[in-house]
Amino acid sequence: MTLDEIVSAYCAAWNEKDEVARTALLEKSWGDSGVYEDPTSAVPPGRAALHAHIAGFHRAYAGARLVRTSRADQHHGKIHFTWQMMLPD
């Protein structure tokens, strides 16, 4: 997969409410030892931990979605891009 395809699958996973479909998207875009970090949280390594974190996002922000707002770049073993959370209203 290209970097763009990986990031697209990852963003789709954040927007996916169906757990089976979300798992399939994370299998395409997230490594077994991947670590998610943002300014407000750090998730333990692994796909299952990120899956649970995304499920919590859906519970806390029903109807919200993640929109990618930049191209992705990769360096030093990390992928970087910007995104915005869009609330239902």
PDB file of N, CA and C in Angstrom:
ATOM      1  N   MET A   1       0.837  -1.190   0.000  1.00  0.00           N
ATOM      2  CA  MET A   1       0.000   0.000   0.000  1.00  0.00           C
ATOM      3  C   MET A   1       0.875   1.244   0.000  1.00  0.00           C
ATOM      4  N   THR A   2       0.394   2.284  -0.643  1.00  0.00           N
ATOM      5  CA  THR A   2       1.090   3.563  -0.613  1.00  0.00           C
ATOM      6  C   THR A   2       0.806   4.251   0.720  1.00  0.00           C
ATOM      7  N   LEU A   3       1.592   5.248   1.047  1.00  0.00           N
ATOM      8  CA  LEU A   3       1.377   6.012   2.264  1.00  0.00           C
ATOM      9  C   LEU A   3      -0.022   6.619   2.271  1.00  0.00           C
ATOM     10  N   ASP A   4      -0.449   7.148   1.135  1.00  0.00           N
ATOM     11  CA  ASP A   4      -1.779   7.746   1.038  1.00  0.00           C
ATOM     12  C   ASP A   4      -2.871   6.706   1.299  1.00  0.00           C
ATOM     13  N   GLU A   5      -2.714   5.498   0.779  1.00  0.00           N
ATOM     14  CA  GLU A   5      -3.705   4.441   1.006  1.00  0.00           C
ATOM     15  C   GLU A   5      -3.754   4.030   2.480  1.00  0.00           C
ATOM     16  N   ILE A   6      -2.598   3.976   3.102  1.00  0.00           N
ATOM     17  CA  ILE A   6      -2.538   3.630   4.523  1.00  0.00           C
ATOM     18  C   ILE A   6      -3.268   4.676   5.361  1.00  0.00           C
ATOM     19  N   VAL A   7      -2.971   5.940   5.104  1.00  0.00           N
ATOM     20  CA  VAL A   7      -3.596   7.013   5.882  1.00  0.00           C
ATOM     21  C   VAL A   7      -5.091   7.095   5.588  1.00  0.00           C
ATOM     22  N   SER A   8      -5.491   6.853   4.355  1.00  0.00           N
ATOM     23  CA  SER A   8      -6.919   6.848   4.026  1.00  0.00           C
ATOM     24  C   SER A   8      -7.652   5.737   4.775  1.00  0.00           C
ATOM     25  N   ALA A   9      -7.069   4.548   4.842  1.00  0.00           N
ATOM     26  CA  ALA A   9      -7.682   3.441   5.581  1.00  0.00           C
ATOM     27  C   ALA A   9      -7.740   3.763   7.074  1.00  0.00           C
ATOM     28  N   TYR A  10      -6.691   4.374   7.591  1.00  0.00           N
ATOM     29  CA  TYR A  10      -6.645   4.763   8.998  1.00  0.00           C
ATOM     30  C   TYR A  10      -7.751   5.765   9.321  1.00  0.00           C
ATOM     31  N   CYS A  11      -7.907   6.796   8.505  1.00  0.00           N
ATOM     32  CA  CYS A  11      -8.961   7.789   8.733  1.00  0.00           C
ATOM     33  C   CYS A  11     -10.338   7.143   8.617  1.00  0.00           C
ATOM     34  N   ALA A  12     -10.500   6.257   7.658  1.00  0.00           N
ATOM     35  CA  ALA A  12     -11.778   5.548   7.515  1.00  0.00           C
ATOM     36  C   ALA A  12     -12.069   4.722   8.764  1.00  0.00           C
ATOM     37  N   ALA A  13     -11.040   4.151   9.384  1.00  0.00           N
ATOM     38  CA  ALA A  13     -11.231   3.381  10.623  1.00  0.00           C
ATOM     39  C   ALA A  13     -11.796   4.270  11.729  1.00  0.00           C
ATOM     40  N   TRP A  14     -11.319   5.491  11.817  1.00  0.00           N
ATOM     41  CA  TRP A  14     -11.833   6.411  12.835  1.00  0.00           C
ATOM     42  C   TRP A  14     -13.299   6.739  12.596  1.00  0.00           C
ATOM     43  N   ASN A  15     -13.728   6.728  11.355  1.00  0.00           N
ATOM     44  CA  ASN A  15     -15.107   7.078  11.034  1.00  0.00           C
ATOM     45  C   ASN A  15     -16.037   5.873  11.003  1.00  0.00           C
ATOM     46  N   GLU A  16     -15.484   4.695  11.122  1.00  0.00           N
ATOM     47  CA  GLU A  16     -16.274   3.460  11.011  1.00  0.00           C
ATOM     48  C   GLU A  16     -16.885   3.077  12.360  1.00  0.00           C
ATOM     49  N   LYS A  17     -18.205   2.968  12.393  1.00  0.00           N
ATOM     50  CA  LYS A  17     -18.891   2.588  13.623  1.00  0.00           C
ATOM     51  C   LYS A  17     -18.982   1.078  13.783  1.00  0.00           C
ATOM     52  N   ASP A  18     -19.007   0.340  12.682  1.00  0.00           N
ATOM     53  CA  ASP A  18     -19.079  -1.113  12.729  1.00  0.00           C
ATOM     54  C   ASP A  18     -17.724  -1.669  13.157  1.00  0.00           C
ATOM     55  N   GLU A  19     -17.713  -2.443  14.243  1.00  0.00           N
ATOM     56  CA  GLU A  19     -16.449  -2.914  14.807  1.00  0.00           C
ATOM     57  C   GLU A  19     -15.706  -3.877  13.897  1.00  0.00           C
ATOM     58  N   VAL A  20     -16.413  -4.724  13.175  1.00  0.00           N
ATOM     59  CA  VAL A  20     -15.757  -5.673  12.262  1.00  0.00           C
ATOM     60  C   VAL A  20     -15.110  -4.913  11.105  1.00  0.00           C
ATOM     61  N   ALA A  21     -15.833  -3.967  10.546  1.00  0.00           N
ATOM     62  CA  ALA A  21     -15.282  -3.163   9.454  1.00  0.00           C
ATOM     63  C   ALA A  21     -14.103  -2.326   9.933  1.00  0.00           C
ATOM     64  N   ARG A  22     -14.206  -1.781  11.159  1.00  0.00           N
ATOM     65  CA  ARG A  22     -13.104  -0.984  11.715  1.00  0.00           C
ATOM     66  C   ARG A  22     -11.857  -1.854  11.899  1.00  0.00           C
ATOM     67  N   THR A  23     -12.054  -3.080  12.367  1.00  0.00           N
ATOM     68  CA  THR A  23     -10.931  -3.995  12.536  1.00  0.00           C
ATOM     69  C   THR A  23     -10.233  -4.239  11.207  1.00  0.00           C
ATOM     70  N   ALA A  24     -10.999  -4.453  10.151  1.00  0.00           N
ATOM     71  CA  ALA A  24     -10.417  -4.691   8.821  1.00  0.00           C
ATOM     72  C   ALA A  24      -9.617  -3.486   8.357  1.00  0.00           C
ATOM     73  N   LEU A  25     -10.126  -2.282   8.589  1.00  0.00           N
ATOM     74  CA  LEU A  25      -9.401  -1.073   8.194  1.00  0.00           C
ATOM     75  C   LEU A  25      -8.115  -0.908   9.004  1.00  0.00           C
ATOM     76  N   LEU A  26      -8.165  -1.213  10.298  1.00  0.00           N
ATOM     77  CA  LEU A  26      -6.958  -1.106  11.123  1.00  0.00           C
ATOM     78  C   LEU A  26      -5.935  -2.170  10.754  1.00  0.00           C
ATOM     79  N   GLU A  27      -6.377  -3.326  10.314  1.00  0.00           N
ATOM     80  CA  GLU A  27      -5.437  -4.353   9.863  1.00  0.00           C
ATOM     81  C   GLU A  27      -4.663  -3.883   8.631  1.00  0.00           C
ATOM     82  N   LYS A  28      -5.271  -3.016   7.834  1.00  0.00           N
ATOM     83  CA  LYS A  28      -4.603  -2.457   6.657  1.00  0.00           C
ATOM     84  C   LYS A  28      -3.678  -1.297   7.014  1.00  0.00           C
ATOM     85  N   SER A  29      -3.980  -0.607   8.115  1.00  0.00           N
ATOM     86  CA  SER A  29      -3.316   0.672   8.343  1.00  0.00           C
ATOM     87  C   SER A  29      -2.536   0.792   9.647  1.00  0.00           C
ATOM     88  N   TRP A  30      -2.614  -0.193  10.535  1.00  0.00           N
ATOM     89  CA  TRP A  30      -1.991  -0.033  11.850  1.00  0.00           C
ATOM     90  C   TRP A  30      -1.188  -1.272  12.207  1.00  0.00           C
ATOM     91  N   GLY A  31       0.042  -1.092  12.591  1.00  0.00           N
ATOM     92  CA  GLY A  31       0.909  -2.208  12.946  1.00  0.00           C
ATOM     93  C   GLY A  31       0.608  -2.762  14.327  1.00  0.00           C
ATOM     94  N   ASP A  32       1.023  -3.987  14.542  1.00  0.00           N
ATOM     95  CA  ASP A  32       0.813  -4.642  15.835  1.00  0.00           C
ATOM     96  C   ASP A  32       1.448  -3.866  16.981  1.00  0.00           C
ATOM     97  N   SER A  33       2.511  -3.138  16.699  1.00  0.00           N
ATOM     98  CA  SER A  33       3.188  -2.389  17.761  1.00  0.00           C
ATOM     99  C   SER A  33       3.032  -0.874  17.595  1.00  0.00           C
ATOM    100  N   GLY A  34       2.102  -0.448  16.720  1.00  0.00           N
ATOM    101  CA  GLY A  34       1.872   0.984  16.500  1.00  0.00           C
ATOM    102  C   GLY A  34       1.412   1.675  17.770  1.00  0.00           C
ATOM    103  N   VAL A  35       1.838   2.932  17.939  1.00  0.00           N
ATOM    104  CA  VAL A  35       1.480   3.717  19.120  1.00  0.00           C
ATOM    105  C   VAL A  35       0.774   4.988  18.660  1.00  0.00           C
ATOM    106  N   TYR A  36      -0.429   5.214  19.185  1.00  0.00           N
ATOM    107  CA  TYR A  36      -1.187   6.425  18.881  1.00  0.00           C
ATOM    108  C   TYR A  36      -0.939   7.454  19.971  1.00  0.00           C
ATOM    109  N   GLU A  37      -0.620   8.674  19.538  1.00  0.00           N
ATOM    110  CA  GLU A  37      -0.445   9.790  20.468  1.00  0.00           C
ATOM    111  C   GLU A  37      -1.045  11.034  19.847  1.00  0.00           C
ATOM    112  N   ASP A  38      -1.714  11.816  20.657  1.00  0.00           N
ATOM    113  CA  ASP A  38      -2.131  13.153  20.260  1.00  0.00           C
ATOM    114  C   ASP A  38      -1.948  14.047  21.477  1.00  0.00           C
ATOM    115  N   PRO A  39      -2.222  15.326  21.379  1.00  0.00           N
ATOM    116  CA  PRO A  39      -1.971  16.203  22.529  1.00  0.00           C
ATOM    117  C   PRO A  39      -2.751  15.847  23.791  1.00  0.00           C
ATOM    118  N   THR A  40      -3.828  15.072  23.666  1.00  0.00           N
ATOM    119  CA  THR A  40      -4.654  14.769  24.843  1.00  0.00           C
ATOM    120  C   THR A  40      -4.578  13.326  25.304  1.00  0.00           C
ATOM    121  N   SER A  41      -3.944  12.449  24.524  1.00  0.00           N
ATOM    122  CA  SER A  41      -3.920  11.042  24.931  1.00  0.00           C
ATOM    123  C   SER A  41      -2.744  10.294  24.321  1.00  0.00           C
ATOM    124  N   ALA A  42      -2.381   9.238  25.022  1.00  0.00           N
ATOM    125  CA  ALA A  42      -1.390   8.285  24.526  1.00  0.00           C
ATOM    126  C   ALA A  42      -1.987   6.905  24.764  1.00  0.00           C
ATOM    127  N   VAL A  43      -2.106   6.142  23.708  1.00  0.00           N
ATOM    128  CA  VAL A  43      -2.755   4.832  23.755  1.00  0.00           C
ATOM    129  C   VAL A  43      -1.666   3.763  23.807  1.00  0.00           C
ATOM    130  N   PRO A  44      -1.859   2.731  24.605  1.00  0.00           N
ATOM    131  CA  PRO A  44      -0.860   1.642  24.626  1.00  0.00           C
ATOM    132  C   PRO A  44      -0.632   1.080  23.214  1.00  0.00           C
ATOM    133  N   PRO A  45       0.507   0.465  22.984  1.00  0.00           N
ATOM    134  CA  PRO A  45       0.809  -0.079  21.662  1.00  0.00           C
ATOM    135  C   PRO A  45      -0.201  -1.142  21.223  1.00  0.00           C
ATOM    136  N   GLY A  46      -0.403  -1.180  19.911  1.00  0.00           N
ATOM    137  CA  GLY A  46      -1.174  -2.261  19.328  1.00  0.00           C
ATOM    138  C   GLY A  46      -2.503  -1.869  18.734  1.00  0.00           C
ATOM    139  N   ARG A  47      -2.950  -2.721  17.850  1.00  0.00           N
ATOM    140  CA  ARG A  47      -4.194  -2.521  17.111  1.00  0.00           C
ATOM    141  C   ARG A  47      -5.415  -2.572  18.036  1.00  0.00           C
ATOM    142  N   ALA A  48      -5.437  -3.521  18.975  1.00  0.00           N
ATOM    143  CA  ALA A  48      -6.596  -3.666  19.865  1.00  0.00           C
ATOM    144  C   ALA A  48      -6.782  -2.425  20.735  1.00  0.00           C
ATOM    145  N   ALA A  49      -5.693  -1.857  21.211  1.00  0.00           N
ATOM    146  CA  ALA A  49      -5.778  -0.658  22.050  1.00  0.00           C
ATOM    147  C   ALA A  49      -6.310   0.525  21.245  1.00  0.00           C
ATOM    148  N   LEU A  50      -5.851   0.664  20.002  1.00  0.00           N
ATOM    149  CA  LEU A  50      -6.358   1.760  19.172  1.00  0.00           C
ATOM    150  C   LEU A  50      -7.824   1.528  18.845  1.00  0.00           C
ATOM    151  N   HIS A  51      -8.202   0.300  18.549  1.00  0.00           N
ATOM    152  CA  HIS A  51      -9.598  -0.028  18.273  1.00  0.00           C
ATOM    153  C   HIS A  51     -10.480   0.399  19.450  1.00  0.00           C
ATOM    154  N   ALA A  52     -10.064   0.083  20.657  1.00  0.00           N
ATOM    155  CA  ALA A  52     -10.813   0.457  21.856  1.00  0.00           C
ATOM    156  C   ALA A  52     -10.865   1.974  22.027  1.00  0.00           C
ATOM    157  N   HIS A  53      -9.780   2.653  21.725  1.00  0.00           N
ATOM    158  CA  HIS A  53      -9.734   4.107  21.828  1.00  0.00           C
ATOM    159  C   HIS A  53     -10.723   4.742  20.844  1.00  0.00           C
ATOM    160  N   ILE A  54     -10.768   4.229  19.639  1.00  0.00           N
ATOM    161  CA  ILE A  54     -11.705   4.752  18.637  1.00  0.00           C
ATOM    162  C   ILE A  54     -13.142   4.492  19.074  1.00  0.00           C
ATOM    163  N   ALA A  55     -13.414   3.317  19.633  1.00  0.00           N
ATOM    164  CA  ALA A  55     -14.757   3.028  20.139  1.00  0.00           C
ATOM    165  C   ALA A  55     -15.147   4.040  21.213  1.00  0.00           C
ATOM    166  N   GLY A  56     -14.200   4.398  22.074  1.00  0.00           N
ATOM    167  CA  GLY A  56     -14.450   5.420  23.087  1.00  0.00           C
ATOM    168  C   GLY A  56     -14.742   6.783  22.471  1.00  0.00           C
ATOM    169  N   PHE A  57     -14.040   7.097  21.393  1.00  0.00           N
ATOM    170  CA  PHE A  57     -14.302   8.334  20.656  1.00  0.00           C
ATOM    171  C   PHE A  57     -15.751   8.366  20.169  1.00  0.00           C
ATOM    172  N   HIS A  58     -16.227   7.252  19.615  1.00  0.00           N
ATOM    173  CA  HIS A  58     -17.601   7.191  19.117  1.00  0.00           C
ATOM    174  C   HIS A  58     -18.616   7.323  20.252  1.00  0.00           C
ATOM    175  N   ARG A  59     -18.305   6.762  21.408  1.00  0.00           N
ATOM    176  CA  ARG A  59     -19.216   6.910  22.554  1.00  0.00           C
ATOM    177  C   ARG A  59     -19.238   8.355  23.057  1.00  0.00           C
ATOM    178  N   ALA A  60     -18.090   8.989  23.101  1.00  0.00           N
ATOM    179  CA  ALA A  60     -17.991  10.345  23.642  1.00  0.00           C
ATOM    180  C   ALA A  60     -18.501  11.414  22.675  1.00  0.00           C
ATOM    181  N   TYR A  61     -18.342  11.171  21.387  1.00  0.00           N
ATOM    182  CA  TYR A  61     -18.686  12.176  20.374  1.00  0.00           C
ATOM    183  C   TYR A  61     -19.578  11.553  19.300  1.00  0.00           C
ATOM    184  N   ALA A  62     -20.757  11.121  19.704  1.00  0.00           N
ATOM    185  CA  ALA A  62     -21.676  10.451  18.773  1.00  0.00           C
ATOM    186  C   ALA A  62     -21.923  11.327  17.540  1.00  0.00           C
ATOM    187  N   GLY A  63     -21.717  10.730  16.375  1.00  0.00           N
ATOM    188  CA  GLY A  63     -21.952  11.428  15.122  1.00  0.00           C
ATOM    189  C   GLY A  63     -20.772  12.236  14.609  1.00  0.00           C
ATOM    190  N   ALA A  64     -19.708  12.345  15.403  1.00  0.00           N
ATOM    191  CA  ALA A  64     -18.526  13.097  14.960  1.00  0.00           C
ATOM    192  C   ALA A  64     -17.740  12.248  13.970  1.00  0.00           C
ATOM    193  N   ARG A  65     -16.933  12.919  13.167  1.00  0.00           N
ATOM    194  CA  ARG A  65     -16.079  12.203  12.218  1.00  0.00           C
ATOM    195  C   ARG A  65     -14.749  12.931  12.087  1.00  0.00           C
ATOM    196  N   LEU A  66     -13.768  12.195  11.649  1.00  0.00           N
ATOM    197  CA  LEU A  66     -12.432  12.724  11.455  1.00  0.00           C
ATOM    198  C   LEU A  66     -12.249  13.035   9.969  1.00  0.00           C
ATOM    199  N   VAL A  67     -11.747  14.221   9.662  1.00  0.00           N
ATOM    200  CA  VAL A  67     -11.486  14.622   8.278  1.00  0.00           C
ATOM    201  C   VAL A  67     -10.002  14.958   8.153  1.00  0.00           C
ATOM    202  N   ARG A  68      -9.350  14.309   7.248  1.00  0.00           N
ATOM    203  CA  ARG A  68      -7.929  14.577   6.985  1.00  0.00           C
ATOM    204  C   ARG A  68      -7.807  15.929   6.302  1.00  0.00           C
ATOM    205  N   THR A  69      -6.860  16.760   6.776  1.00  0.00           N
ATOM    206  CA  THR A  69      -6.731  18.121   6.248  1.00  0.00           C
ATOM    207  C   THR A  69      -5.365  18.405   5.631  1.00  0.00           C
ATOM    208  N   SER A  70      -4.520  17.384   5.503  1.00  0.00           N
ATOM    209  CA  SER A  70      -3.218  17.604   4.879  1.00  0.00           C
ATOM    210  C   SER A  70      -2.737  16.312   4.227  1.00  0.00           C
ATOM    211  N   ARG A  71      -1.691  16.446   3.464  1.00  0.00           N
ATOM    212  CA  ARG A  71      -1.008  15.261   2.945  1.00  0.00           C
ATOM    213  C   ARG A  71      -0.233  14.631   4.086  1.00  0.00           C
ATOM    214  N   ALA A  72       0.073  13.380   3.934  1.00  0.00           N
ATOM    215  CA  ALA A  72       0.863  12.675   4.941  1.00  0.00           C
ATOM    216  C   ALA A  72       2.331  12.684   4.543  1.00  0.00           C
ATOM    217  N   ASP A  73       3.185  12.728   5.543  1.00  0.00           N
ATOM    218  CA  ASP A  73       4.607  12.515   5.306  1.00  0.00           C
ATOM    219  C   ASP A  73       5.111  11.519   6.339  1.00  0.00           C
ATOM    220  N   GLN A  74       6.228  10.921   6.027  1.00  0.00           N
ATOM    221  CA  GLN A  74       6.773   9.885   6.886  1.00  0.00           C
ATOM    222  C   GLN A  74       8.259  10.140   7.092  1.00  0.00           C
ATOM    223  N   HIS A  75       8.669  10.144   8.355  1.00  0.00           N
ATOM    224  CA  HIS A  75      10.098  10.211   8.673  1.00  0.00           C
ATOM    225  C   HIS A  75      10.307   9.758  10.101  1.00  0.00           C
ATOM    226  N   HIS A  76      11.507   9.295  10.383  1.00  0.00           N
ATOM    227  CA  HIS A  76      11.893   8.820  11.708  1.00  0.00           C
ATOM    228  C   HIS A  76      10.917   7.775  12.259  1.00  0.00           C
ATOM    229  N   GLY A  77      10.378   6.944  11.370  1.00  0.00           N
ATOM    230  CA  GLY A  77       9.497   5.866  11.797  1.00  0.00           C
ATOM    231  C   GLY A  77       8.090   6.291  12.166  1.00  0.00           C
ATOM    232  N   LYS A  78       7.731   7.519  11.836  1.00  0.00           N
ATOM    233  CA  LYS A  78       6.392   8.016  12.167  1.00  0.00           C
ATOM    234  C   LYS A  78       5.728   8.600  10.923  1.00  0.00           C
ATOM    235  N   ILE A  79       4.407   8.549  10.921  1.00  0.00           N
ATOM    236  CA  ILE A  79       3.617   9.171   9.862  1.00  0.00           C
ATOM    237  C   ILE A  79       2.933  10.383  10.474  1.00  0.00           C
ATOM    238  N   HIS A  80       3.009  11.505   9.774  1.00  0.00           N
ATOM    239  CA  HIS A  80       2.436  12.756  10.260  1.00  0.00           C
ATOM    240  C   HIS A  80       1.437  13.298   9.241  1.00  0.00           C
ATOM    241  N   PHE A  81       0.307  13.776   9.724  1.00  0.00           N
ATOM    242  CA  PHE A  81      -0.657  14.495   8.898  1.00  0.00           C
ATOM    243  C   PHE A  81      -1.586  15.237   9.849  1.00  0.00           C
ATOM    244  N   THR A  82      -2.328  16.179   9.330  1.00  0.00           N
ATOM    245  CA  THR A  82      -3.267  16.913  10.175  1.00  0.00           C
ATOM    246  C   THR A  82      -4.685  16.450   9.865  1.00  0.00           C
ATOM    247  N   TRP A  83      -5.533  16.629  10.862  1.00  0.00           N
ATOM    248  CA  TRP A  83      -6.922  16.235  10.725  1.00  0.00           C
ATOM    249  C   TRP A  83      -7.770  17.176  11.563  1.00  0.00           C
ATOM    250  N   GLN A  84      -9.058  17.129  11.319  1.00  0.00           N
ATOM    251  CA  GLN A  84      -9.995  17.940  12.087  1.00  0.00           C
ATOM    252  C   GLN A  84     -11.173  17.068  12.470  1.00  0.00           C
ATOM    253  N   MET A  85     -11.653  17.233  13.700  1.00  0.00           N
ATOM    254  CA  MET A  85     -12.842  16.522  14.119  1.00  0.00           C
ATOM    255  C   MET A  85     -14.053  17.371  13.755  1.00  0.00           C
ATOM    256  N   MET A  86     -14.968  16.766  13.029  1.00  0.00           N
ATOM    257  CA  MET A  86     -16.192  17.454  12.615  1.00  0.00           C
ATOM    258  C   MET A  86     -17.351  16.922  13.453  1.00  0.00           C
ATOM    259  N   LEU A  87     -17.993  17.793  14.182  1.00  0.00           N
ATOM    260  CA  LEU A  87     -19.155  17.408  14.973  1.00  0.00           C
ATOM    261  C   LEU A  87     -20.385  17.347  14.085  1.00  0.00           C
ATOM    262  N   PRO A  88     -21.425  16.629  14.481  1.00  0.00           N
ATOM    263  CA  PRO A  88     -22.581  16.452  13.611  1.00  0.00           C
ATOM    264  C   PRO A  88     -23.251  17.753  13.185  1.00  0.00           C
ATOM    265  N   ASP A  89     -23.158  18.773  14.011  1.00  0.00           N
ATOM    266  CA  ASP A  89     -23.795  20.039  13.674  1.00  0.00           C
ATOM    267  C   ASP A  89     -22.859  20.943  12.907  1.00  0.00           C
TER     268      ASP A  89
END
